Amino acid sequence: MSVERKIYTDPLKRIEQLESLASASKIINSSLDLAEILSRIMNLTTELLDADRSTLYLIDKEKGELWSIVAQGLDQIEIRLPLNQGIAGHVATNLKTLNVKDAYELPFFNREFDKKSNYRTKSVLCIPMINKEDKAVGVMQVLNKKHGDFIPDDEEFLYALSDHAVIAIENAIMHKDLIAKKKLEEELLIAHKIQKSILPDTVPSVTGYDFGAINVSAKIVGGDFYDFIPLHAGKWGLVMADVSDKGMPAAIFMAVCRTVMRAVAKDNDSAAEVLRMANALISEIHTSNMFVTLFYGILDTKERRLVYSNAGHNPPLLYNVNRGEYRYIEMEGTAIGVMDGIEFEEDSIDMQKDDLLVLYTDGITEAINPQEDEFGLDRMIDVLKNKGRNPARDIVENIEKAVDTFASGQPQFDDMTLM
């Protein structure tokens, strides 16, 4: 992208303006605050070019707009203009210098500002601002030279000034982005700590049973969650859930879902009724398109019976260590939050002494390696065959290790949760 540049016609004026340019560069580059830099550039441009006023617009290609920050009393406001309108928009679009004695001679000049402010725009000098990558980043517009008209020397000086201005602006934007990124990272770390505190910090201690669980987020925060809900008469509510989204929105929705599940599970011996009530509440209070797949089981530790219901989640795996036999606890169901008025099925199984009940999210089974093969259920069953007699905590850690080994460093895009 090349922009035609003028050359100085007055050697003495060139020396004078180069001295001014050196001073201006120091002033412009002495701050990293974008609003302050724009204000300094505009003030210096107005002063050094003996003009009435000036404006610097930056290009927002995504929104198709020109924007700037201007002072209004003690406050600063952001102004935005369509990219294809007015003198500034014309220069930003065509990337050619515009130097006219009377703006009213231009068909694309917008006279509305003059009418509203009782101002008369006459001479105008407007140039595109080009960075070192040869990309247009904005335009500088100077209005109404006080003595005479804008001459080629003014054009060249404005281009020289814009070179320094572009560097200062890009440094300020980079600095602003770094601060915003650092702030976001700090907030995400706080959110991560909060989310981890929401998940159970211990597993139940029940005679004759052994529990273990892990949760690994694909991002700093995620949408998977598990829970052990203490009920009555030696019963425990077991929850394995996967929110449809990822990141911060999923983490917030996950916290809501967990709170709702704990509220409706209390003193309720019907797993299907718990899911019906949870779905009714979540469908009522949330307005996003997110939903959550969820398996809920009520484990009666005295009777060794699991009453369960499934809201569209992966079927749990029941594996007997002694016999080496396994089966999936399959049940049809609709995810929670899709629509109100859903009824859920319910069933039960009697647990044997050497049974392993494995609840998981699809982040485990759909973990991929560099060849984009999936970890799958067979590899998880292999771990159970080899490590099934170990304590529950060791089993979940061995499955996690097997997934990591299989993935071989391949980044994963889904949360992984296992109970």
Protein backbone atom coordinates (compact mmCIF):
# COMPACT_ATOMS: atom_id res chain seq x y z
CA MET A 1 0.00 0.00 0.00
CA SER A 2 1.84 3.09 -1.17
CA VAL A 3 0.86 6.69 -0.43
CA GLU A 4 2.13 9.52 -2.55
CA ARG A 5 4.30 11.87 -0.50
CA LYS A 6 5.10 15.49 -1.26
CA ILE A 7 8.54 17.08 -0.88
CA TYR A 8 9.40 20.29 0.90
CA THR A 9 9.64 23.39 -1.30
CA ASP A 10 10.97 25.74 1.39
CA PRO A 11 14.32 24.57 2.89
CA LEU A 12 14.16 27.04 5.78
CA LYS A 13 10.66 25.98 6.69
CA ARG A 14 11.77 22.35 6.47
CA ILE A 15 14.47 22.96 9.10
CA GLU A 16 12.00 24.81 11.31
CA GLN A 17 9.38 22.08 11.07
CA LEU A 18 11.90 19.29 11.60
CA GLU A 19 12.88 20.95 14.88
CA SER A 20 9.21 21.16 15.79
CA LEU A 21 8.76 17.54 14.78
CA ALA A 22 11.53 16.40 17.13
CA SER A 23 9.89 18.21 20.03
CA ALA A 24 6.47 16.92 19.05
CA SER A 25 7.74 13.34 18.93
CA LYS A 26 8.98 13.56 22.51
CA ILE A 27 5.65 14.92 23.68
CA ILE A 28 3.61 12.33 21.78
CA ASN A 29 5.68 9.38 22.98
CA SER A 30 5.79 10.42 26.64
CA SER A 31 2.53 8.64 27.44
CA LEU A 32 0.96 5.21 26.93
CA ASP A 33 -2.60 6.41 27.53
CA LEU A 34 -4.42 6.28 24.18
CA ALA A 35 -6.87 9.10 24.92
CA GLU A 36 -4.06 11.35 26.10
CA ILE A 37 -1.94 10.52 23.05
CA LEU A 38 -4.79 11.34 20.64
CA SER A 39 -5.39 14.63 22.46
CA ARG A 40 -1.69 15.55 22.32
CA ILE A 41 -1.43 14.72 18.62
CA MET A 42 -4.48 16.80 17.77
CA ASN A 43 -3.31 19.77 19.85
CA LEU A 44 0.19 19.66 18.36
CA THR A 45 -1.13 19.29 14.82
CA THR A 46 -3.42 22.28 15.25
CA GLU A 47 -0.62 24.40 16.68
CA LEU A 48 2.20 23.42 14.34
CA LEU A 49 0.11 23.72 11.17
CA ASP A 50 -1.39 27.05 12.26
CA ALA A 51 -4.88 25.62 11.97
CA ASP A 52 -8.19 26.16 13.68
CA ARG A 53 -8.74 22.54 14.73
CA SER A 54 -7.78 18.97 13.91
CA THR A 55 -9.05 15.45 14.48
CA LEU A 56 -7.40 12.03 14.39
CA TYR A 57 -9.62 9.10 13.53
CA LEU A 58 -8.62 5.45 13.90
CA ILE A 59 -10.00 2.80 11.54
CA ASP A 60 -12.18 0.00 12.90
CA LYS A 61 -12.42 -2.34 9.90
CA GLU A 62 -14.55 -4.92 11.70
CA LYS A 63 -17.30 -2.38 12.38
CA GLY A 64 -16.67 -0.33 9.23
CA GLU A 65 -16.20 2.83 11.27
CA LEU A 66 -13.82 5.64 12.09
CA TRP A 67 -13.47 6.41 15.78
CA SER A 68 -11.71 8.81 18.07
CA ILE A 69 -11.67 9.90 21.71
CA VAL A 70 -12.40 13.56 22.41
CA ALA A 71 -12.64 15.64 25.56
CA GLN A 72 -16.05 16.83 26.70
CA GLY A 73 -15.77 18.92 29.82
CA LEU A 74 -13.99 16.81 32.41
CA ASP A 75 -14.93 13.58 30.66
CA GLN A 76 -13.79 11.75 27.54
CA ILE A 77 -16.21 10.40 24.98
CA GLU A 78 -15.72 8.06 22.07
CA ILE A 79 -17.11 9.23 18.75
CA ARG A 80 -17.75 6.94 15.79
CA LEU A 81 -18.48 7.69 12.15
CA PRO A 82 -19.31 5.47 9.16
CA LEU A 83 -16.13 4.58 7.29
CA ASN A 84 -17.53 5.57 3.92
CA GLN A 85 -18.85 9.03 4.79
CA GLY A 86 -17.36 12.53 4.89
CA ILE A 87 -13.88 13.73 4.12
CA ALA A 88 -12.19 11.48 6.68
CA GLY A 89 -14.11 8.46 5.40
CA HIS A 90 -13.20 9.31 1.80
CA VAL A 91 -9.49 9.48 2.64
CA ALA A 92 -9.62 6.31 4.76
CA THR A 93 -11.27 4.46 1.88
CA ASN A 94 -9.14 5.78 -0.98
CA LEU A 95 -5.86 6.29 0.94
CA LYS A 96 -5.07 9.49 -0.92
CA THR A 97 -4.19 12.89 0.48
CA LEU A 98 -6.95 15.46 0.26
CA ASN A 99 -6.00 19.16 0.32
CA VAL A 100 -8.76 21.62 -0.60
CA LYS A 101 -9.31 25.34 -0.13
CA ASP A 102 -13.04 25.00 0.44
CA ALA A 103 -14.66 21.83 1.74
CA TYR A 104 -18.04 22.89 0.36
CA GLU A 105 -16.74 22.19 -3.14
CA LEU A 106 -16.57 18.46 -2.30
CA PRO A 107 -19.72 16.44 -2.99
CA PHE A 108 -18.98 14.02 -0.15
CA PHE A 109 -18.43 16.71 2.50
CA ASN A 110 -20.95 16.39 5.31
CA ARG A 111 -22.28 19.85 6.17
CA GLU A 112 -24.43 18.73 9.10
CA PHE A 113 -21.73 19.39 11.69
CA ASP A 114 -21.28 22.96 10.45
CA LYS A 115 -25.03 23.54 10.59
CA LYS A 116 -25.38 22.22 14.14
CA SER A 117 -22.31 24.00 15.51
CA ASN A 118 -22.58 27.20 13.48
CA TYR A 119 -19.09 26.54 12.15
CA ARG A 120 -17.76 27.17 8.63
CA THR A 121 -15.28 24.63 7.32
CA LYS A 122 -13.07 26.00 4.57
CA SER A 123 -9.58 24.66 3.98
CA VAL A 124 -9.03 21.01 4.77
CA LEU A 125 -5.91 18.85 4.82
CA CYS A 126 -6.55 15.16 5.41
CA ILE A 127 -4.06 12.29 5.08
CA PRO A 128 -4.15 8.51 5.63
CA MET A 129 -1.98 7.15 8.44
CA ILE A 130 0.08 4.13 7.39
CA ASN A 131 2.08 1.90 9.74
CA LYS A 132 5.33 -0.01 9.13
CA GLU A 133 3.37 -3.02 7.90
CA ASP A 134 1.96 -0.79 5.15
CA LYS A 135 -1.54 -0.93 6.65
CA ALA A 136 -3.87 2.03 7.10
CA VAL A 137 -4.59 2.64 10.78
CA GLY A 138 -6.36 5.99 10.64
CA VAL A 139 -6.57 9.49 9.17
CA MET A 140 -5.43 12.92 10.34
CA GLN A 141 -7.69 15.81 9.42
CA VAL A 142 -6.76 19.49 9.85
CA LEU A 143 -9.27 22.30 9.31
CA ASN A 144 -9.08 25.99 8.43
CA LYS A 145 -5.49 27.17 8.20
CA LYS A 146 -5.41 30.59 9.83
CA HIS A 147 -3.02 32.25 7.38
CA GLY A 148 -3.40 31.22 3.75
CA ASP A 149 -4.04 27.66 2.55
CA PHE A 150 -2.39 24.34 3.26
CA ILE A 151 0.64 23.91 1.03
CA PRO A 152 2.72 20.85 0.01
CA ASP A 153 5.14 21.54 2.87
CA ASP A 154 2.24 21.18 5.29
CA GLU A 155 1.32 17.87 3.72
CA GLU A 156 4.85 16.54 4.11
CA PHE A 157 5.07 17.75 7.68
CA LEU A 158 1.75 16.13 8.54
CA TYR A 159 2.95 12.82 7.07
CA ALA A 160 6.15 13.04 9.10
CA LEU A 161 4.15 13.78 12.22
CA SER A 162 1.78 10.90 11.45
CA ASP A 163 4.71 8.46 11.30
CA HIS A 164 5.54 9.29 14.91
CA ALA A 165 1.86 9.33 15.85
CA VAL A 166 1.28 5.83 14.44
CA ILE A 167 4.11 4.38 16.52
CA ALA A 168 2.82 6.06 19.68
CA ILE A 169 -0.77 4.95 19.00
CA GLU A 170 0.17 1.33 18.30
CA ASN A 171 2.34 1.23 21.41
CA ALA A 172 -0.56 2.62 23.46
CA ILE A 173 -3.01 0.10 21.99
CA MET A 174 -0.55 -2.74 22.64
CA HIS A 175 -0.06 -1.52 26.21
CA LYS A 176 -3.83 -1.29 26.70
CA ASP A 177 -4.31 -4.80 25.30
CA LEU A 178 -1.60 -6.20 27.57
CA ILE A 179 -3.20 -4.61 30.63
CA ALA A 180 -6.63 -5.93 29.58
CA LYS A 181 -5.16 -9.39 28.97
CA LYS A 182 -3.43 -9.39 32.34
CA LYS A 183 -6.63 -8.28 34.07
CA LEU A 184 -8.61 -10.98 32.28
CA GLU A 185 -6.06 -13.63 33.26
CA GLU A 186 -6.23 -12.50 36.89
CA GLU A 187 -10.03 -12.61 36.81
CA LEU A 188 -9.99 -16.06 35.21
CA LEU A 189 -7.62 -17.35 37.89
CA ILE A 190 -9.98 -16.05 40.55
CA ALA A 191 -12.89 -17.68 38.71
CA HIS A 192 -10.89 -20.92 38.55
CA LYS A 193 -10.34 -20.88 42.30
CA ILE A 194 -14.01 -20.12 42.91
CA GLN A 195 -15.11 -22.91 40.59
CA LYS A 196 -12.77 -25.42 42.20
CA SER A 197 -14.16 -24.41 45.59
CA ILE A 198 -17.67 -25.18 44.30
CA LEU A 199 -16.71 -28.77 43.49
CA PRO A 200 -16.50 -31.18 46.45
CA ASP A 201 -13.18 -30.91 48.26
CA THR A 202 -13.55 -34.41 49.72
CA VAL A 203 -15.30 -37.64 48.77
CA PRO A 204 -17.79 -39.41 51.05
CA SER A 205 -16.41 -41.71 53.70
CA VAL A 206 -18.81 -44.65 53.84
CA THR A 207 -18.08 -48.11 55.26
CA GLY A 208 -18.03 -50.67 52.46
CA TYR A 209 -17.66 -48.08 49.70
CA ASP A 210 -14.80 -46.22 48.09
CA PHE A 211 -15.11 -43.02 46.06
CA GLY A 212 -12.79 -41.06 43.80
CA ALA A 213 -13.27 -38.17 41.36
CA ILE A 214 -11.35 -35.76 39.14
CA ASN A 215 -12.18 -32.66 37.11
CA VAL A 216 -9.85 -31.25 34.45
CA SER A 217 -10.97 -28.13 32.54
CA ALA A 218 -9.97 -27.65 28.92
CA LYS A 219 -9.76 -23.93 29.68
CA ILE A 220 -9.08 -22.13 32.94
CA VAL A 221 -12.74 -22.58 33.83
CA GLY A 222 -15.20 -25.07 32.42
CA GLY A 223 -18.72 -26.46 32.44
CA ASP A 224 -18.29 -30.02 33.74
CA PHE A 225 -19.15 -30.75 37.34
CA TYR A 226 -19.70 -33.65 39.68
CA ASP A 227 -21.18 -33.74 43.13
CA PHE A 228 -21.78 -35.96 46.15
CA ILE A 229 -24.99 -34.77 47.83
CA PRO A 230 -25.59 -36.05 51.38
CA LEU A 231 -29.23 -37.08 51.69
CA HIS A 232 -30.99 -38.94 54.51
CA ALA A 233 -30.84 -42.46 55.93
CA GLY A 234 -27.41 -43.28 54.53
CA LYS A 235 -28.21 -42.16 50.99
CA TRP A 236 -26.03 -40.11 48.67
CA GLY A 237 -26.94 -38.19 45.52
CA LEU A 238 -24.35 -38.74 42.76
CA VAL A 239 -24.18 -36.11 40.01
CA MET A 240 -22.19 -36.11 36.78
CA ALA A 241 -22.93 -33.21 34.45
CA ASP A 242 -21.64 -31.47 31.32
CA VAL A 243 -22.74 -27.96 30.31
CA SER A 244 -23.07 -27.49 26.55
CA ASP A 245 -20.72 -24.48 26.38
CA LYS A 246 -17.14 -23.86 27.51
CA GLY A 247 -15.27 -21.15 29.37
CA MET A 248 -16.76 -18.46 31.62
CA PRO A 249 -20.42 -18.69 30.46
CA ALA A 250 -20.37 -22.45 31.06
CA ALA A 251 -18.75 -21.98 34.46
CA ILE A 252 -21.49 -19.60 35.57
CA PHE A 253 -24.22 -21.89 34.25
CA MET A 254 -22.51 -24.84 35.93
CA ALA A 255 -22.64 -23.06 39.30
CA VAL A 256 -26.35 -22.36 38.83
CA CYS A 257 -27.06 -25.98 37.90
CA ARG A 258 -25.16 -27.36 40.87
CA THR A 259 -27.02 -25.05 43.26
CA VAL A 260 -30.37 -26.05 41.77
CA MET A 261 -29.53 -29.77 41.96
CA ARG A 262 -28.59 -29.52 45.62
CA ALA A 263 -31.79 -27.61 46.38
CA VAL A 264 -34.19 -30.03 44.69
CA ALA A 265 -32.39 -33.24 45.73
CA LYS A 266 -32.94 -32.73 49.45
CA ASP A 267 -35.35 -35.30 50.96
CA ASN A 268 -36.36 -36.55 47.51
CA ASP A 269 -36.06 -40.28 46.87
CA SER A 270 -37.06 -40.10 43.20
CA ALA A 271 -34.18 -39.45 40.81
CA ALA A 272 -36.61 -38.70 37.98
CA GLU A 273 -38.50 -36.17 40.10
CA VAL A 274 -35.25 -34.45 41.02
CA LEU A 275 -34.39 -34.00 37.33
CA ARG A 276 -37.93 -32.84 36.52
CA MET A 277 -37.80 -30.18 39.23
CA ALA A 278 -34.26 -29.13 38.26
CA ASN A 279 -35.26 -28.81 34.63
CA ALA A 280 -38.32 -26.73 35.52
CA LEU A 281 -36.27 -24.29 37.60
CA ILE A 282 -33.36 -24.00 35.16
CA SER A 283 -35.67 -23.59 32.15
CA GLU A 284 -37.44 -20.79 34.00
CA ILE A 285 -34.43 -18.79 35.19
CA HIS A 286 -32.00 -19.00 32.26
CA THR A 287 -32.41 -17.17 28.94
CA SER A 288 -29.32 -18.40 27.10
CA ASN A 289 -29.14 -21.29 24.64
CA MET A 290 -27.07 -23.39 27.02
CA PHE A 291 -28.20 -26.70 28.43
CA VAL A 292 -26.67 -29.41 30.60
CA THR A 293 -26.58 -33.19 30.20
CA LEU A 294 -26.72 -34.81 33.60
CA PHE A 295 -26.80 -38.24 35.23
CA TYR A 296 -28.27 -38.36 38.70
CA GLY A 297 -28.23 -41.41 40.94
CA ILE A 298 -29.42 -41.93 44.51
CA LEU A 299 -27.16 -44.46 46.17
CA ASP A 300 -28.69 -46.25 49.15
CA THR A 301 -25.51 -47.39 50.90
CA LYS A 302 -27.41 -49.67 53.29
CA GLU A 303 -29.47 -51.48 50.66
CA ARG A 304 -26.69 -51.30 48.01
CA ARG A 305 -29.21 -49.98 45.52
CA LEU A 306 -28.81 -47.20 42.98
CA VAL A 307 -31.96 -45.38 41.80
CA TYR A 308 -31.08 -43.29 38.77
CA SER A 309 -32.30 -41.06 35.98
CA ASN A 310 -30.50 -39.64 32.96
CA ALA A 311 -30.90 -36.26 31.25
CA GLY A 312 -29.16 -36.96 27.97
CA HIS A 313 -25.79 -37.80 29.52
CA ASN A 314 -23.27 -40.53 28.66
CA PRO A 315 -24.40 -43.91 30.05
CA PRO A 316 -22.40 -44.87 33.16
CA LEU A 317 -20.29 -48.00 33.08
CA LEU A 318 -20.84 -50.81 35.59
CA TYR A 319 -17.85 -53.14 35.85
CA ASN A 320 -17.53 -56.18 38.12
CA VAL A 321 -13.92 -56.79 39.12
CA ASN A 322 -14.32 -60.49 39.99
CA ARG A 323 -16.13 -61.54 36.85
CA GLY A 324 -14.47 -59.05 34.51
CA GLU A 325 -17.92 -58.25 33.11
CA TYR A 326 -19.28 -54.83 32.32
CA ARG A 327 -22.41 -53.19 30.99
CA TYR A 328 -23.63 -49.69 30.26
CA ILE A 329 -26.49 -48.26 32.29
CA GLU A 330 -28.38 -46.88 29.33
CA MET A 331 -31.48 -44.71 29.50
CA GLU A 332 -33.09 -42.22 27.12
CA GLY A 333 -33.44 -38.65 28.32
CA THR A 334 -33.43 -34.99 27.29
CA ALA A 335 -30.83 -32.50 28.48
CA ILE A 336 -31.85 -30.10 31.24
CA GLY A 337 -32.62 -26.55 30.12
CA VAL A 338 -33.76 -27.43 26.60
CA MET A 339 -37.46 -26.95 27.41
CA ASP A 340 -39.83 -27.01 30.33
CA GLY A 341 -42.33 -29.76 31.01
CA ILE A 342 -40.05 -32.72 30.35
CA GLU A 343 -40.70 -35.99 32.16
CA PHE A 344 -37.75 -38.25 32.97
CA GLU A 345 -37.50 -42.03 33.27
CA GLU A 346 -36.26 -43.79 36.38
CA ASP A 347 -34.77 -47.21 37.05
CA SER A 348 -32.62 -48.94 39.66
CA ILE A 349 -29.87 -51.53 39.98
CA ASP A 350 -28.63 -53.57 42.91
CA MET A 351 -24.92 -53.07 43.48
CA GLN A 352 -22.68 -56.10 44.07
CA LYS A 353 -19.71 -56.14 46.43
CA ASP A 354 -17.07 -55.93 43.68
CA ASP A 355 -18.92 -53.56 41.31
CA LEU A 356 -17.26 -50.43 39.98
CA LEU A 357 -19.64 -47.66 38.91
CA VAL A 358 -17.91 -45.23 36.55
CA LEU A 359 -19.53 -41.87 35.77
CA TYR A 360 -17.79 -39.66 33.20
CA THR A 361 -18.19 -36.84 30.70
CA ASP A 362 -17.43 -37.19 27.00
CA GLY A 363 -14.21 -35.22 27.47
CA ILE A 364 -12.75 -38.53 28.64
CA THR A 365 -13.98 -40.80 25.87
CA GLU A 366 -13.60 -38.19 23.11
CA ALA A 367 -10.08 -37.10 24.05
CA ILE A 368 -7.97 -37.17 20.88
CA ASN A 369 -4.36 -37.90 20.00
CA PRO A 370 -2.27 -36.22 17.26
CA GLN A 371 -3.81 -38.59 14.71
CA GLU A 372 -7.27 -37.44 15.91
CA ASP A 373 -8.20 -40.90 17.16
CA GLU A 374 -10.52 -40.90 20.18
CA PHE A 375 -9.63 -42.45 23.54
CA GLY A 376 -12.98 -44.27 23.61
CA LEU A 377 -14.58 -46.58 26.15
CA ASP A 378 -12.47 -49.64 25.33
CA ARG A 379 -9.29 -48.01 26.60
CA MET A 380 -11.08 -46.97 29.78
CA ILE A 381 -12.28 -50.56 30.27
CA ASP A 382 -8.68 -51.76 29.80
CA VAL A 383 -7.66 -49.57 32.72
CA LEU A 384 -10.46 -51.04 34.84
CA LYS A 385 -9.32 -54.58 33.97
CA ASN A 386 -5.73 -53.81 35.01
CA LYS A 387 -6.34 -51.43 37.93
CA GLY A 388 -9.88 -52.24 39.03
CA ARG A 389 -8.84 -53.65 42.41
CA ASN A 390 -6.99 -50.46 43.33
CA PRO A 391 -8.55 -47.76 45.54
CA ALA A 392 -11.05 -45.55 43.70
CA ARG A 393 -8.71 -42.56 43.81
CA ASP A 394 -5.98 -44.58 42.10
CA ILE A 395 -8.42 -45.80 39.46
CA VAL A 396 -9.50 -42.31 38.40
CA GLU A 397 -5.87 -41.14 38.42
CA ASN A 398 -4.88 -44.11 36.25
CA ILE A 399 -7.64 -43.33 33.76
CA GLU A 400 -6.51 -39.70 33.68
CA LYS A 401 -2.91 -40.84 33.13
CA ALA A 402 -4.02 -43.20 30.35
CA VAL A 403 -5.82 -40.30 28.61
CA ASP A 404 -2.73 -38.09 28.92
CA THR A 405 -0.48 -40.80 27.52
CA PHE A 406 -2.88 -41.45 24.66
CA ALA A 407 -3.21 -37.74 23.83
CA SER A 408 0.60 -37.35 23.56
CA GLY A 409 0.45 -33.63 24.21
CA GLN A 410 -2.43 -32.96 21.81
CA PRO A 411 -4.49 -29.99 23.14
CA GLN A 412 -7.96 -31.03 24.28
CA PHE A 413 -11.03 -28.94 23.63
CA ASP A 414 -13.41 -30.43 26.18
CA ASP A 415 -13.46 -30.68 29.94
CA MET A 416 -12.77 -34.11 31.46
CA THR A 417 -14.59 -35.27 34.56
CA LEU A 418 -14.70 -38.72 36.12
CA MET A 419 -16.22 -40.30 39.23
